[in-house]
Amino acid sequence: MPELKLLIDAVQSSKFITEKKSESLIEKLISLTSETNADKLKRSVHITGRVKSENEKGYYIVDAINEAINAGVKISFYYSELNGKKKAVLRNDGKPYTVSPFDLIWDGDYYYLTGYCDEREAVRTYRVDRIKKQPELLKEKAVKKPKGYNVSKYTTEVFRMFSTDEVFDVTLLCDNCCMNVVVDKFGKKVKISSVGEEQFRITVKVCSSPTFYRWVFGSSGKIVIEGPVEVRNAYKKMLQKSLDSMN
């Protein structure tokens, strides 16, 4: 039963899965065990009130992407974001993106698609629940993964800070108390060098984006961006803009 409870917890906590679909999947999982165990599991299940996706087409979107990956063809889809009134608006000037799908990644309660975007002429990341409807599978063959592309390395170094911005080798000076958050973010294989008795230094690949800067800011000064200078300056600019907005 512990294994079944883990599966139920995963379905229950996932933001990608809608509340309605979560209830359906959990009922199916519970049906796999005895009546006695089922009663115990039901008492520990709580879904209502959790932040969940409202995109009921999520499963069909994932299936279509998987089919395209297996077939080695490009896909076309509309991608959206919420505006200031919580209304979904299409990106790319309302035009569809054409993407050669590489990998589907489950991370941070969401599915993400990585692939080569024809419009941006680069590898990009898309959150699956923001894809408006089931992607269209095109007849055109997908481009091959670029040399050096490695999905595990990509997710460790860049993924949680994904954006359309340029990737930099960023050097961070960290207090020793930040080791847990650094390892949580970049993995145990991240190379560190000690700086005195109280600090350590790392160099990692990240996108220079607000997501990354928010993570640094969350350390309350215990993580310092040492370089490159353009990343330091961009961070300072963001901080100054926040301070100015309070006046």
Protein backbone atom coordinates (compact mmCIF):
# COMPACT_ATOMS: atom_id res chain seq x y z
CA MET A 1 0.00 0.00 0.00
CA PRO A 2 2.84 2.53 0.57
CA GLU A 3 3.65 2.46 -3.16
CA LEU A 4 0.00 3.12 -4.02
CA LYS A 5 -0.12 5.99 -1.53
CA LEU A 6 2.92 7.56 -3.23
CA LEU A 7 1.15 7.39 -6.61
CA ILE A 8 -2.00 8.93 -5.15
CA ASP A 9 0.01 11.72 -3.53
CA ALA A 10 1.70 12.46 -6.86
CA VAL A 11 -1.65 12.70 -8.68
CA GLN A 12 -3.21 14.70 -5.87
CA SER A 13 -0.43 17.28 -5.62
CA SER A 14 0.20 17.73 -9.34
CA LYS A 15 -0.81 21.16 -10.57
CA PHE A 16 -0.84 19.93 -14.16
CA ILE A 17 -3.70 17.50 -13.54
CA THR A 18 -7.12 19.10 -13.18
CA GLU A 19 -9.16 18.54 -10.03
CA LYS A 20 -11.76 16.52 -11.94
CA LYS A 21 -9.15 14.28 -13.56
CA SER A 22 -7.29 13.89 -10.25
CA GLU A 23 -10.43 12.53 -8.60
CA SER A 24 -10.97 10.11 -11.49
CA LEU A 25 -7.37 8.84 -11.46
CA ILE A 26 -7.32 8.44 -7.69
CA GLU A 27 -10.53 6.39 -7.79
CA LYS A 28 -8.89 4.10 -10.36
CA LEU A 29 -5.77 3.74 -8.20
CA ILE A 30 -7.80 2.99 -5.08
CA SER A 31 -9.71 0.29 -6.97
CA LEU A 32 -6.43 -1.62 -7.34
CA THR A 33 -6.27 -2.49 -3.65
CA SER A 34 -8.47 -4.34 -1.14
CA GLU A 35 -11.62 -2.82 0.28
CA THR A 36 -9.99 -2.40 3.71
CA ASN A 37 -6.95 -0.61 2.29
CA ALA A 38 -9.20 1.44 -0.01
CA ASP A 39 -11.07 2.85 2.99
CA LYS A 40 -7.76 3.82 4.64
CA LEU A 41 -6.56 5.53 1.48
CA LYS A 42 -9.80 7.44 0.98
CA ARG A 43 -9.53 8.94 4.46
CA SER A 44 -6.14 10.46 3.60
CA VAL A 45 -7.07 11.96 0.23
CA HIS A 46 -7.68 15.72 0.08
CA ILE A 47 -7.89 17.56 -3.25
CA THR A 48 -10.35 20.44 -2.96
CA GLY A 49 -8.73 23.85 -2.63
CA ARG A 50 -5.39 22.94 -4.18
CA VAL A 51 -4.05 25.01 -7.05
CA LYS A 52 -4.77 22.86 -10.11
CA SER A 53 -4.69 23.32 -13.85
CA GLU A 54 -7.93 24.18 -15.63
CA ASN A 55 -6.73 22.85 -18.98
CA GLU A 56 -8.82 19.71 -19.48
CA LYS A 57 -7.06 19.04 -22.78
CA GLY A 58 -3.71 18.45 -21.06
CA TYR A 59 -3.72 14.69 -21.60
CA TYR A 60 -4.50 14.96 -25.28
CA ILE A 61 -1.78 17.57 -25.69
CA VAL A 62 0.79 15.30 -24.02
CA ASP A 63 -0.32 12.38 -26.20
CA ALA A 64 0.03 14.44 -29.37
CA ILE A 65 3.51 15.61 -28.39
CA ASN A 66 4.58 12.05 -27.59
CA GLU A 67 3.23 10.88 -30.93
CA ALA A 68 5.19 13.60 -32.73
CA ILE A 69 8.40 12.70 -30.87
CA ASN A 70 8.00 9.03 -31.78
CA ALA A 71 7.19 9.87 -35.40
CA GLY A 72 10.03 12.38 -35.68
CA VAL A 73 7.86 15.20 -37.05
CA LYS A 74 7.31 18.85 -36.20
CA ILE A 75 4.26 20.16 -34.39
CA SER A 76 2.36 23.43 -34.60
CA PHE A 77 0.56 24.95 -31.63
CA TYR A 78 -0.74 28.17 -30.10
CA TYR A 79 0.86 29.27 -26.83
CA SER A 80 -0.72 31.60 -24.32
CA GLU A 81 -0.07 33.62 -21.18
CA LEU A 82 -2.36 35.48 -18.77
CA ASN A 83 -2.72 39.24 -19.04
CA GLY A 84 -3.48 41.68 -16.22
CA LYS A 85 -7.15 40.68 -16.26
CA LYS A 86 -6.40 36.92 -15.98
CA LYS A 87 -7.39 36.45 -19.61
CA ALA A 88 -5.37 34.05 -21.76
CA VAL A 89 -3.75 35.87 -24.68
CA LEU A 90 -1.80 34.25 -27.48
CA ARG A 91 1.92 34.83 -27.76
CA ASN A 92 3.86 35.19 -31.02
CA ASP A 93 1.39 37.83 -32.24
CA GLY A 94 -1.39 35.26 -32.26
CA LYS A 95 0.45 32.99 -34.67
CA PRO A 96 1.26 29.32 -33.99
CA TYR A 97 4.74 28.16 -33.09
CA THR A 98 6.38 25.46 -35.21
CA VAL A 99 8.52 23.23 -33.03
CA SER A 100 10.60 20.08 -33.42
CA PRO A 101 9.77 18.35 -30.11
CA PHE A 102 12.73 16.85 -28.25
CA ASP A 103 11.57 15.88 -24.77
CA LEU A 104 8.64 16.06 -22.36
CA ILE A 105 9.80 16.82 -18.83
CA TRP A 106 7.87 16.62 -15.59
CA ASP A 107 9.23 19.21 -13.18
CA GLY A 108 7.82 21.31 -10.38
CA ASP A 109 4.30 19.83 -10.75
CA TYR A 110 4.10 20.72 -14.44
CA TYR A 111 4.90 19.17 -17.81
CA TYR A 112 7.30 21.06 -20.03
CA LEU A 113 8.18 20.58 -23.68
CA THR A 114 11.69 21.23 -24.96
CA GLY A 115 12.28 21.53 -28.69
CA TYR A 116 13.70 23.57 -31.53
CA CYS A 117 11.49 26.53 -32.40
CA ASP A 118 11.56 27.55 -36.07
CA GLU A 119 10.40 31.08 -35.29
CA ARG A 120 13.10 31.69 -32.65
CA GLU A 121 15.74 29.54 -34.38
CA ALA A 122 16.79 28.08 -31.03
CA VAL A 123 15.92 25.45 -28.44
CA ARG A 124 13.03 26.66 -26.31
CA THR A 125 10.95 25.42 -23.37
CA TYR A 126 7.14 25.53 -23.21
CA ARG A 127 4.83 24.73 -20.30
CA VAL A 128 2.36 22.19 -21.64
CA ASP A 129 -0.70 23.51 -19.81
CA ARG A 130 -0.20 26.85 -21.60
CA ILE A 131 -0.56 25.22 -25.01
CA LYS A 132 -4.06 26.27 -26.07
CA LYS A 133 -5.25 23.11 -27.79
CA GLN A 134 -4.02 19.80 -29.13
CA PRO A 135 -0.95 20.46 -31.33
CA GLU A 136 -1.14 19.72 -35.03
CA LEU A 137 1.28 17.07 -36.23
CA LEU A 138 2.98 18.28 -39.40
CA LYS A 139 4.38 16.21 -42.24
CA GLU A 140 7.70 18.02 -42.07
CA LYS A 141 10.49 16.05 -40.41
CA ALA A 142 11.72 17.38 -37.07
CA VAL A 143 15.22 18.81 -36.89
CA LYS A 144 17.75 16.75 -34.98
CA LYS A 145 18.79 17.62 -31.45
CA PRO A 146 21.77 20.00 -31.57
CA LYS A 147 25.20 18.70 -30.73
CA GLY A 148 25.77 18.75 -27.01
CA TYR A 149 22.07 18.78 -26.12
CA ASN A 150 21.50 16.60 -23.08
CA VAL A 151 18.11 16.72 -21.42
CA SER A 152 19.40 15.84 -17.94
CA LYS A 153 22.11 18.50 -18.09
CA TYR A 154 19.69 20.97 -19.63
CA THR A 155 17.15 20.58 -16.84
CA THR A 156 19.79 20.77 -14.09
CA GLU A 157 21.57 23.85 -15.40
CA VAL A 158 18.83 25.84 -17.08
CA PHE A 159 15.39 24.33 -16.80
CA ARG A 160 13.93 25.70 -13.59
CA MET A 161 15.01 29.15 -14.75
CA PHE A 162 13.88 28.67 -18.32
CA SER A 163 13.15 31.68 -20.47
CA THR A 164 13.82 33.00 -23.93
CA ASP A 165 16.83 34.92 -22.66
CA GLU A 166 20.48 34.15 -23.33
CA VAL A 167 22.25 31.47 -21.28
CA PHE A 168 25.27 32.60 -19.27
CA ASP A 169 27.97 30.95 -17.19
CA VAL A 170 27.21 32.71 -13.91
CA THR A 171 29.54 32.67 -10.90
CA LEU A 172 27.86 32.81 -7.50
CA LEU A 173 29.43 33.41 -4.09
CA CYS A 174 27.32 31.65 -1.47
CA ASP A 175 27.26 31.42 2.31
CA ASN A 176 27.65 27.85 3.54
CA CYS A 177 24.09 27.87 4.89
CA CYS A 178 22.88 28.03 1.27
CA MET A 179 24.29 24.64 0.32
CA ASN A 180 20.91 22.91 0.55
CA VAL A 181 19.12 25.37 -1.74
CA VAL A 182 22.03 25.29 -4.22
CA VAL A 183 22.01 21.48 -4.37
CA ASP A 184 18.20 21.47 -4.63
CA LYS A 185 18.47 23.81 -7.60
CA PHE A 186 21.51 22.46 -9.47
CA GLY A 187 22.00 18.91 -8.17
CA LYS A 188 24.67 17.20 -6.10
CA LYS A 189 27.08 17.06 -9.02
CA VAL A 190 27.49 20.85 -9.10
CA LYS A 191 31.16 21.74 -8.60
CA ILE A 192 31.96 23.95 -5.65
CA SER A 193 35.12 25.58 -4.33
CA SER A 194 35.49 26.71 -0.73
CA VAL A 195 36.10 30.40 -0.03
CA GLY A 196 37.42 30.75 3.49
CA GLU A 197 35.51 29.08 6.30
CA GLU A 198 32.07 30.56 5.67
CA GLN A 199 31.48 30.60 1.90
CA PHE A 200 31.75 28.63 -1.33
CA ARG A 201 31.74 29.52 -5.01
CA ILE A 202 29.99 27.85 -7.96
CA THR A 203 29.69 28.54 -11.69
CA VAL A 204 26.46 27.39 -13.34
CA LYS A 205 24.62 27.90 -16.62
CA VAL A 206 21.42 29.90 -16.19
CA CYS A 207 19.18 32.16 -18.19
CA SER A 208 19.49 35.80 -17.24
CA SER A 209 15.84 36.15 -16.35
CA PRO A 210 13.58 37.45 -13.56
CA THR A 211 13.07 33.84 -12.44
CA PHE A 212 16.78 33.48 -11.73
CA TYR A 213 17.01 36.88 -10.04
CA ARG A 214 14.04 36.09 -7.79
CA TRP A 215 15.85 32.95 -6.66
CA VAL A 216 19.01 34.92 -5.84
CA PHE A 217 16.99 37.62 -4.05
CA GLY A 218 15.30 34.96 -1.92
CA SER A 219 18.64 34.24 -0.24
CA SER A 220 18.53 37.65 1.51
CA GLY A 221 22.04 38.53 0.40
CA LYS A 222 23.56 35.14 1.19
CA ILE A 223 24.01 34.42 -2.54
CA VAL A 224 25.90 37.06 -4.52
CA ILE A 225 26.26 37.24 -8.31
CA GLU A 226 29.98 37.76 -8.99
CA GLY A 227 29.82 37.70 -12.76
CA PRO A 228 29.55 38.18 -15.63
CA VAL A 229 29.15 41.93 -15.39
CA GLU A 230 26.08 42.05 -17.69
CA VAL A 231 24.21 39.66 -15.38
CA ARG A 232 25.22 41.67 -12.28
CA ASN A 233 24.06 44.87 -13.94
CA ALA A 234 20.75 43.33 -15.03
CA TYR A 235 20.13 42.18 -11.44
CA LYS A 236 20.98 45.64 -10.07
CA LYS A 237 18.63 47.23 -12.58
CA MET A 238 15.78 44.96 -11.52
CA LEU A 239 16.40 45.70 -7.84
CA GLN A 240 16.54 49.43 -8.47
CA LYS A 241 13.33 49.32 -10.44
CA SER A 242 11.62 47.56 -7.51
CA LEU A 243 12.93 50.18 -5.07
CA ASP A 244 11.83 53.05 -7.32
CA SER A 245 8.32 51.61 -7.54
CA MET A 246 7.96 52.00 -3.75
CA ASN A 247 8.52 55.76 -3.82
